[in-house]
């Protein structure tokens, strides 16, 4: 049985491979978010996450663009993994 630490480690590995500093919140057993400041890398990250998540019982991925007057804009990936 795969545990939440394994899921999180795989996600961090994908982000680091794509030169993105991991900013992850949430519990991979339930729901987590990842901020992607380099919009051009979003597609690659999503493709790699799908490959990792296919190993599990089920998963959901959603993205949205977040912009604010006070911070840099970013793409937010929300995920839910059922281990």
PDB file of N, CA and C in Angstrom:
ATOM      1  N   UNK A   1       0.840  -1.188   0.000  1.00  0.00           N
ATOM      2  CA  UNK A   1       0.000   0.000   0.000  1.00  0.00           C
ATOM      3  C   UNK A   1       0.881   1.246   0.000  1.00  0.00           C
ATOM      4  N   UNK A   2       0.554   2.206  -0.822  1.00  0.00           N
ATOM      5  CA  UNK A   2       1.323   3.440  -0.938  1.00  0.00           C
ATOM      6  C   UNK A   2       0.809   4.436   0.087  1.00  0.00           C
ATOM      7  N   UNK A   3       1.732   5.205   0.681  1.00  0.00           N
ATOM      8  CA  UNK A   3       1.303   6.148   1.703  1.00  0.00           C
ATOM      9  C   UNK A   3       1.437   7.590   1.223  1.00  0.00           C
ATOM     10  N   UNK A   4       0.961   8.524   2.038  1.00  0.00           N
ATOM     11  CA  UNK A   4       0.942   9.936   1.654  1.00  0.00           C
ATOM     12  C   UNK A   4       2.342  10.510   1.481  1.00  0.00           C
ATOM     13  N   UNK A   5       3.325  10.044   2.255  1.00  0.00           N
ATOM     14  CA  UNK A   5       4.694  10.537   2.100  1.00  0.00           C
ATOM     15  C   UNK A   5       5.233  10.208   0.713  1.00  0.00           C
ATOM     16  N   UNK A   6       4.904   9.024   0.212  1.00  0.00           N
ATOM     17  CA  UNK A   6       5.359   8.626  -1.119  1.00  0.00           C
ATOM     18  C   UNK A   6       4.762   9.541  -2.187  1.00  0.00           C
ATOM     19  N   UNK A   7       3.474   9.872  -2.064  1.00  0.00           N
ATOM     20  CA  UNK A   7       2.817  10.767  -3.012  1.00  0.00           C
ATOM     21  C   UNK A   7       3.499  12.130  -2.980  1.00  0.00           C
ATOM     22  N   UNK A   8       3.695  12.668  -1.784  1.00  0.00           N
ATOM     23  CA  UNK A   8       4.301  13.986  -1.657  1.00  0.00           C
ATOM     24  C   UNK A   8       5.727  13.993  -2.203  1.00  0.00           C
ATOM     25  N   UNK A   9       6.492  12.960  -1.936  1.00  0.00           N
ATOM     26  CA  UNK A   9       7.868  12.881  -2.443  1.00  0.00           C
ATOM     27  C   UNK A   9       7.898  12.861  -3.966  1.00  0.00           C
ATOM     28  N   UNK A  10       6.970  12.148  -4.594  1.00  0.00           N
ATOM     29  CA  UNK A  10       6.912  12.106  -6.058  1.00  0.00           C
ATOM     30  C   UNK A  10       6.546  13.467  -6.633  1.00  0.00           C
ATOM     31  N   UNK A  11       5.632  14.166  -5.973  1.00  0.00           N
ATOM     32  CA  UNK A  11       5.239  15.505  -6.426  1.00  0.00           C
ATOM     33  C   UNK A  11       6.431  16.454  -6.321  1.00  0.00           C
ATOM     34  N   UNK A  12       7.129  16.425  -5.191  1.00  0.00           N
ATOM     35  CA  UNK A  12       8.299  17.288  -4.996  1.00  0.00           C
ATOM     36  C   UNK A  12       9.374  16.975  -6.025  1.00  0.00           C
ATOM     37  N   UNK A  13       9.564  15.716  -6.339  1.00  0.00           N
ATOM     38  CA  UNK A  13      10.548  15.313  -7.344  1.00  0.00           C
ATOM     39  C   UNK A  13      10.215  15.911  -8.712  1.00  0.00           C
ATOM     40  N   UNK A  14       8.941  15.872  -9.093  1.00  0.00           N
ATOM     41  CA  UNK A  14       8.506  16.452 -10.368  1.00  0.00           C
ATOM     42  C   UNK A  14       8.794  17.950 -10.385  1.00  0.00           C
ATOM     43  N   UNK A  15       8.454  18.642  -9.305  1.00  0.00           N
ATOM     44  CA  UNK A  15       8.659  20.084  -9.260  1.00  0.00           C
ATOM     45  C   UNK A  15      10.140  20.441  -9.323  1.00  0.00           C
ATOM     46  N   UNK A  16      10.957  19.742  -8.552  1.00  0.00           N
ATOM     47  CA  UNK A  16      12.392  20.041  -8.551  1.00  0.00           C
ATOM     48  C   UNK A  16      13.013  19.767  -9.920  1.00  0.00           C
ATOM     49  N   UNK A  17      12.579  18.690 -10.578  1.00  0.00           N
ATOM     50  CA  UNK A  17      13.105  18.351 -11.905  1.00  0.00           C
ATOM     51  C   UNK A  17      12.814  19.469 -12.903  1.00  0.00           C
ATOM     52  N   UNK A  18      11.716  20.189 -12.692  1.00  0.00           N
ATOM     53  CA  UNK A  18      11.322  21.283 -13.560  1.00  0.00           C
ATOM     54  C   UNK A  18      11.752  22.650 -13.009  1.00  0.00           C
ATOM     55  N   UNK A  19      12.723  22.633 -12.093  1.00  0.00           N
ATOM     56  CA  UNK A  19      13.269  23.851 -11.487  1.00  0.00           C
ATOM     57  C   UNK A  19      12.201  24.730 -10.843  1.00  0.00           C
ATOM     58  N   UNK A  20      11.274  24.103 -10.126  1.00  0.00           N
ATOM     59  CA  UNK A  20      10.234  24.828  -9.410  1.00  0.00           C
ATOM     60  C   UNK A  20      10.395  24.519  -7.928  1.00  0.00           C
ATOM     61  N   UNK A  21      10.485  25.570  -7.130  1.00  0.00           N
ATOM     62  CA  UNK A  21      10.576  25.387  -5.687  1.00  0.00           C
ATOM     63  C   UNK A  21       9.237  24.869  -5.181  1.00  0.00           C
ATOM     64  N   UNK A  22       9.232  23.728  -4.507  1.00  0.00           N
ATOM     65  CA  UNK A  22       7.970  23.179  -4.029  1.00  0.00           C
ATOM     66  C   UNK A  22       7.277  24.086  -3.014  1.00  0.00           C
ATOM     67  N   UNK A  23       6.061  24.483  -3.319  1.00  0.00           N
ATOM     68  CA  UNK A  23       5.194  25.176  -2.372  1.00  0.00           C
ATOM     69  C   UNK A  23       3.910  24.364  -2.361  1.00  0.00           C
ATOM     70  N   UNK A  24       3.839  23.443  -1.431  1.00  0.00           N
ATOM     71  CA  UNK A  24       2.730  22.492  -1.366  1.00  0.00           C
ATOM     72  C   UNK A  24       2.022  22.668  -0.039  1.00  0.00           C
ATOM     73  N   UNK A  25       0.713  22.641  -0.075  1.00  0.00           N
ATOM     74  CA  UNK A  25      -0.042  22.663   1.173  1.00  0.00           C
ATOM     75  C   UNK A  25      -1.108  21.590   1.103  1.00  0.00           C
ATOM     76  N   UNK A  26      -1.537  21.153   2.245  1.00  0.00           N
ATOM     77  CA  UNK A  26      -2.587  20.137   2.289  1.00  0.00           C
ATOM     78  C   UNK A  26      -2.014  18.774   2.584  1.00  0.00           C
ATOM     79  N   UNK A  27      -2.882  17.808   2.682  1.00  0.00           N
ATOM     80  CA  UNK A  27      -2.519  16.425   2.958  1.00  0.00           C
ATOM     81  C   UNK A  27      -2.805  15.629   1.693  1.00  0.00           C
ATOM     82  N   UNK A  28      -1.795  14.965   1.111  1.00  0.00           N
ATOM     83  CA  UNK A  28      -2.010  14.237  -0.137  1.00  0.00           C
ATOM     84  C   UNK A  28      -3.104  13.177  -0.058  1.00  0.00           C
ATOM     85  N   UNK A  29      -3.473  12.757   1.140  1.00  0.00           N
ATOM     86  CA  UNK A  29      -4.582  11.815   1.259  1.00  0.00           C
ATOM     87  C   UNK A  29      -5.913  12.490   0.948  1.00  0.00           C
ATOM     88  N   UNK A  30      -5.968  13.792   1.113  1.00  0.00           N
ATOM     89  CA  UNK A  30      -7.218  14.513   0.908  1.00  0.00           C
ATOM     90  C   UNK A  30      -7.107  15.490  -0.257  1.00  0.00           C
ATOM     91  N   UNK A  31      -6.562  16.651   0.027  1.00  0.00           N
ATOM     92  CA  UNK A  31      -6.511  17.700  -0.980  1.00  0.00           C
ATOM     93  C   UNK A  31      -5.241  18.502  -0.795  1.00  0.00           C
ATOM     94  N   UNK A  32      -4.581  18.861  -1.881  1.00  0.00           N
ATOM     95  CA  UNK A  32      -3.379  19.672  -1.814  1.00  0.00           C
ATOM     96  C   UNK A  32      -3.375  20.699  -2.922  1.00  0.00           C
ATOM     97  N   UNK A  33      -2.522  21.700  -2.782  1.00  0.00           N
ATOM     98  CA  UNK A  33      -2.364  22.715  -3.817  1.00  0.00           C
ATOM     99  C   UNK A  33      -0.887  22.922  -4.105  1.00  0.00           C
ATOM    100  N   UNK A  34      -0.605  23.273  -5.347  1.00  0.00           N
ATOM    101  CA  UNK A  34       0.752  23.578  -5.792  1.00  0.00           C
ATOM    102  C   UNK A  34       0.673  24.894  -6.559  1.00  0.00           C
ATOM    103  N   UNK A  35       1.579  25.810  -6.254  1.00  0.00           N
ATOM    104  CA  UNK A  35       1.659  27.070  -6.996  1.00  0.00           C
ATOM    105  C   UNK A  35       2.756  26.967  -8.042  1.00  0.00           C
ATOM    106  N   UNK A  36       2.414  27.347  -9.272  1.00  0.00           N
ATOM    107  CA  UNK A  36       3.364  27.350 -10.370  1.00  0.00           C
ATOM    108  C   UNK A  36       3.472  28.788 -10.873  1.00  0.00           C
ATOM    109  N   UNK A  37       4.620  29.420 -10.635  1.00  0.00           N
ATOM    110  CA  UNK A  37       4.819  30.801 -11.065  1.00  0.00           C
ATOM    111  C   UNK A  37       5.290  30.890 -12.511  1.00  0.00           C
ATOM    112  N   UNK A  38       5.855  29.821 -13.029  1.00  0.00           N
ATOM    113  CA  UNK A  38       6.294  29.796 -14.428  1.00  0.00           C
ATOM    114  C   UNK A  38       5.201  29.117 -15.256  1.00  0.00           C
ATOM    115  N   UNK A  39       4.306  29.919 -15.786  1.00  0.00           N
ATOM    116  CA  UNK A  39       3.122  29.408 -16.482  1.00  0.00           C
ATOM    117  C   UNK A  39       3.475  28.443 -17.613  1.00  0.00           C
ATOM    118  N   UNK A  40       4.605  28.660 -18.275  1.00  0.00           N
ATOM    119  CA  UNK A  40       4.979  27.802 -19.399  1.00  0.00           C
ATOM    120  C   UNK A  40       5.291  26.374 -18.958  1.00  0.00           C
ATOM    121  N   UNK A  41       5.490  26.144 -17.674  1.00  0.00           N
ATOM    122  CA  UNK A  41       5.786  24.808 -17.161  1.00  0.00           C
ATOM    123  C   UNK A  41       4.537  24.053 -16.696  1.00  0.00           C
ATOM    124  N   UNK A  42       3.398  24.717 -16.697  1.00  0.00           N
ATOM    125  CA  UNK A  42       2.170  24.122 -16.173  1.00  0.00           C
ATOM    126  C   UNK A  42       1.804  22.818 -16.874  1.00  0.00           C
ATOM    127  N   UNK A  43       1.833  22.811 -18.189  1.00  0.00           N
ATOM    128  CA  UNK A  43       1.439  21.628 -18.955  1.00  0.00           C
ATOM    129  C   UNK A  43       2.327  20.429 -18.623  1.00  0.00           C
ATOM    130  N   UNK A  44       3.638  20.658 -18.550  1.00  0.00           N
ATOM    131  CA  UNK A  44       4.578  19.579 -18.225  1.00  0.00           C
ATOM    132  C   UNK A  44       4.308  19.025 -16.840  1.00  0.00           C
ATOM    133  N   UNK A  45       4.103  19.906 -15.868  1.00  0.00           N
ATOM    134  CA  UNK A  45       3.844  19.481 -14.490  1.00  0.00           C
ATOM    135  C   UNK A  45       2.557  18.657 -14.437  1.00  0.00           C
ATOM    136  N   UNK A  46       1.509  19.125 -15.095  1.00  0.00           N
ATOM    137  CA  UNK A  46       0.240  18.388 -15.098  1.00  0.00           C
ATOM    138  C   UNK A  46       0.398  17.002 -15.717  1.00  0.00           C
ATOM    139  N   UNK A  47       1.104  16.922 -16.838  1.00  0.00           N
ATOM    140  CA  UNK A  47       1.314  15.628 -17.487  1.00  0.00           C
ATOM    141  C   UNK A  47       2.046  14.654 -16.560  1.00  0.00           C
ATOM    142  N   UNK A  48       3.076  15.153 -15.876  1.00  0.00           N
ATOM    143  CA  UNK A  48       3.845  14.286 -14.984  1.00  0.00           C
ATOM    144  C   UNK A  48       3.051  13.889 -13.744  1.00  0.00           C
ATOM    145  N   UNK A  49       2.244  14.805 -13.226  1.00  0.00           N
ATOM    146  CA  UNK A  49       1.394  14.467 -12.077  1.00  0.00           C
ATOM    147  C   UNK A  49       0.392  13.377 -12.451  1.00  0.00           C
ATOM    148  N   UNK A  50      -0.186  13.483 -13.648  1.00  0.00           N
ATOM    149  CA  UNK A  50      -1.152  12.474 -14.089  1.00  0.00           C
ATOM    150  C   UNK A  50      -0.515  11.090 -14.130  1.00  0.00           C
ATOM    151  N   UNK A  51       0.717  11.013 -14.591  1.00  0.00           N
ATOM    152  CA  UNK A  51       1.416   9.719 -14.645  1.00  0.00           C
ATOM    153  C   UNK A  51       1.579   9.151 -13.240  1.00  0.00           C
ATOM    154  N   UNK A  52       1.994   9.998 -12.294  1.00  0.00           N
ATOM    155  CA  UNK A  52       2.172   9.544 -10.906  1.00  0.00           C
ATOM    156  C   UNK A  52       0.836   9.140 -10.294  1.00  0.00           C
ATOM    157  N   UNK A  53      -0.177   9.973 -10.474  1.00  0.00           N
ATOM    158  CA  UNK A  53      -1.474   9.732  -9.824  1.00  0.00           C
ATOM    159  C   UNK A  53      -2.207   8.526 -10.394  1.00  0.00           C
ATOM    160  N   UNK A  54      -1.899   8.117 -11.616  1.00  0.00           N
ATOM    161  CA  UNK A  54      -2.571   6.956 -12.205  1.00  0.00           C
ATOM    162  C   UNK A  54      -2.281   5.675 -11.441  1.00  0.00           C
ATOM    163  N   UNK A  55      -1.232   5.672 -10.628  1.00  0.00           N
ATOM    164  CA  UNK A  55      -0.877   4.495  -9.833  1.00  0.00           C
ATOM    165  C   UNK A  55      -1.828   4.284  -8.652  1.00  0.00           C
ATOM    166  N   UNK A  56      -2.638   5.282  -8.356  1.00  0.00           N
ATOM    167  CA  UNK A  56      -3.481   5.232  -7.166  1.00  0.00           C
ATOM    168  C   UNK A  56      -4.932   4.941  -7.538  1.00  0.00           C
ATOM    169  N   UNK A  57      -5.709   4.686  -6.521  1.00  0.00           N
ATOM    170  CA  UNK A  57      -7.112   4.286  -6.677  1.00  0.00           C
ATOM    171  C   UNK A  57      -7.891   5.291  -7.545  1.00  0.00           C
ATOM    172  N   UNK A  58      -7.782   6.569  -7.212  1.00  0.00           N
ATOM    173  CA  UNK A  58      -8.419   7.612  -8.014  1.00  0.00           C
ATOM    174  C   UNK A  58      -7.764   8.948  -7.682  1.00  0.00           C
ATOM    175  N   UNK A  59      -7.978   9.920  -8.580  1.00  0.00           N
ATOM    176  CA  UNK A  59      -7.431  11.246  -8.357  1.00  0.00           C
ATOM    177  C   UNK A  59      -8.240  12.274  -9.129  1.00  0.00           C
ATOM    178  N   UNK A  60      -8.125  13.528  -8.703  1.00  0.00           N
ATOM    179  CA  UNK A  60      -8.710  14.661  -9.405  1.00  0.00           C
ATOM    180  C   UNK A  60      -7.664  15.754  -9.475  1.00  0.00           C
ATOM    181  N   UNK A  61      -7.586  16.425 -10.602  1.00  0.00           N
ATOM    182  CA  UNK A  61      -6.694  17.567 -10.796  1.00  0.00           C
ATOM    183  C   UNK A  61      -7.510  18.732 -11.340  1.00  0.00           C
ATOM    184  N   UNK A  62      -7.251  19.925 -10.826  1.00  0.00           N
ATOM    185  CA  UNK A  62      -7.901  21.128 -11.341  1.00  0.00           C
ATOM    186  C   UNK A  62      -6.883  22.262 -11.295  1.00  0.00           C
ATOM    187  N   UNK A  63      -7.002  23.200 -12.227  1.00  0.00           N
ATOM    188  CA  UNK A  63      -6.090  24.338 -12.244  1.00  0.00           C
ATOM    189  C   UNK A  63      -6.887  25.634 -12.333  1.00  0.00           C
ATOM    190  N   UNK A  64      -6.265  26.705 -11.875  1.00  0.00           N
ATOM    191  CA  UNK A  64      -6.842  28.035 -12.038  1.00  0.00           C
ATOM    192  C   UNK A  64      -5.724  29.062 -12.015  1.00  0.00           C
ATOM    193  N   UNK A  65      -5.973  30.178 -12.669  1.00  0.00           N
ATOM    194  CA  UNK A  65      -5.015  31.279 -12.687  1.00  0.00           C
ATOM    195  C   UNK A  65      -5.375  32.214 -11.535  1.00  0.00           C
ATOM    196  N   UNK A  66      -4.377  32.591 -10.747  1.00  0.00           N
ATOM    197  CA  UNK A  66      -4.596  33.475  -9.601  1.00  0.00           C
ATOM    198  C   UNK A  66      -3.755  34.724  -9.805  1.00  0.00           C
ATOM    199  N   UNK A  67      -4.412  35.879  -9.783  1.00  0.00           N
ATOM    200  CA  UNK A  67      -3.665  37.131  -9.873  1.00  0.00           C
ATOM    201  C   UNK A  67      -4.162  38.064  -8.782  1.00  0.00           C
ATOM    202  N   UNK A  68      -3.228  38.851  -8.283  1.00  0.00           N
ATOM    203  CA  UNK A  68      -3.521  39.733  -7.168  1.00  0.00           C
ATOM    204  C   UNK A  68      -2.767  41.033  -7.380  1.00  0.00           C
ATOM    205  N   UNK A  69      -3.246  42.073  -6.778  1.00  0.00           N
ATOM    206  CA  UNK A  69      -2.557  43.357  -6.886  1.00  0.00           C
ATOM    207  C   UNK A  69      -1.266  43.369  -6.065  1.00  0.00           C
ATOM    208  N   UNK A  70      -1.156  42.464  -5.090  1.00  0.00           N
ATOM    209  CA  UNK A  70      -0.051  42.525  -4.125  1.00  0.00           C
ATOM    210  C   UNK A  70       1.026  41.457  -4.318  1.00  0.00           C
ATOM    211  N   UNK A  71       0.789  40.464  -5.156  1.00  0.00           N
ATOM    212  CA  UNK A  71       1.754  39.388  -5.344  1.00  0.00           C
ATOM    213  C   UNK A  71       1.860  39.036  -6.828  1.00  0.00           C
ATOM    214  N   UNK A  72       2.858  38.230  -7.156  1.00  0.00           N
ATOM    215  CA  UNK A  72       2.980  37.725  -8.521  1.00  0.00           C
ATOM    216  C   UNK A  72       1.795  36.827  -8.846  1.00  0.00           C
ATOM    217  N   UNK A  73       1.365  36.833 -10.095  1.00  0.00           N
ATOM    218  CA  UNK A  73       0.310  35.912 -10.497  1.00  0.00           C
ATOM    219  C   UNK A  73       0.909  34.516 -10.635  1.00  0.00           C
ATOM    220  N   UNK A  74       0.064  33.502 -10.501  1.00  0.00           N
ATOM    221  CA  UNK A  74       0.534  32.126 -10.596  1.00  0.00           C
ATOM    222  C   UNK A  74      -0.608  31.217 -11.013  1.00  0.00           C
ATOM    223  N   UNK A  75      -0.228  30.027 -11.437  1.00  0.00           N
ATOM    224  CA  UNK A  75      -1.195  28.985 -11.731  1.00  0.00           C
ATOM    225  C   UNK A  75      -1.286  28.102 -10.490  1.00  0.00           C
ATOM    226  N   UNK A  76      -2.478  27.764 -10.098  1.00  0.00           N
ATOM    227  CA  UNK A  76      -2.663  26.910  -8.929  1.00  0.00           C
ATOM    228  C   UNK A  76      -3.200  25.555  -9.381  1.00  0.00           C
ATOM    229  N   UNK A  77      -2.501  24.504  -8.963  1.00  0.00           N
ATOM    230  CA  UNK A  77      -2.964  23.148  -9.229  1.00  0.00           C
ATOM    231  C   UNK A  77      -3.544  22.621  -7.924  1.00  0.00           C
ATOM    232  N   UNK A  78      -4.765  22.149  -7.987  1.00  0.00           N
ATOM    233  CA  UNK A  78      -5.402  21.503  -6.825  1.00  0.00           C
ATOM    234  C   UNK A  78      -5.547  20.029  -7.155  1.00  0.00           C
ATOM    235  N   UNK A  79      -5.199  19.197  -6.196  1.00  0.00           N
ATOM    236  CA  UNK A  79      -5.286  17.766  -6.444  1.00  0.00           C
ATOM    237  C   UNK A  79      -5.886  17.042  -5.254  1.00  0.00           C
ATOM    238  N   UNK A  80      -6.501  15.922  -5.557  1.00  0.00           N
ATOM    239  CA  UNK A  80      -7.041  15.024  -4.540  1.00  0.00           C
ATOM    240  C   UNK A  80      -6.663  13.609  -4.977  1.00  0.00           C
ATOM    241  N   UNK A  81      -6.052  12.874  -4.071  1.00  0.00           N
ATOM    242  CA  UNK A  81      -5.613  11.530  -4.381  1.00  0.00           C
ATOM    243  C   UNK A  81      -6.233  10.571  -3.376  1.00  0.00           C
ATOM    244  N   UNK A  82      -6.829   9.531  -3.871  1.00  0.00           N
ATOM    245  CA  UNK A  82      -7.372   8.467  -3.017  1.00  0.00           C
ATOM    246  C   UNK A  82      -6.414   7.308  -3.094  1.00  0.00           C
ATOM    247  N   UNK A  83      -5.690   7.077  -1.998  1.00  0.00           N
ATOM    248  CA  UNK A  83      -4.653   6.040  -1.972  1.00  0.00           C
ATOM    249  C   UNK A  83      -5.252   4.684  -1.657  1.00  0.00           C
TER     250      UNK A  83
END
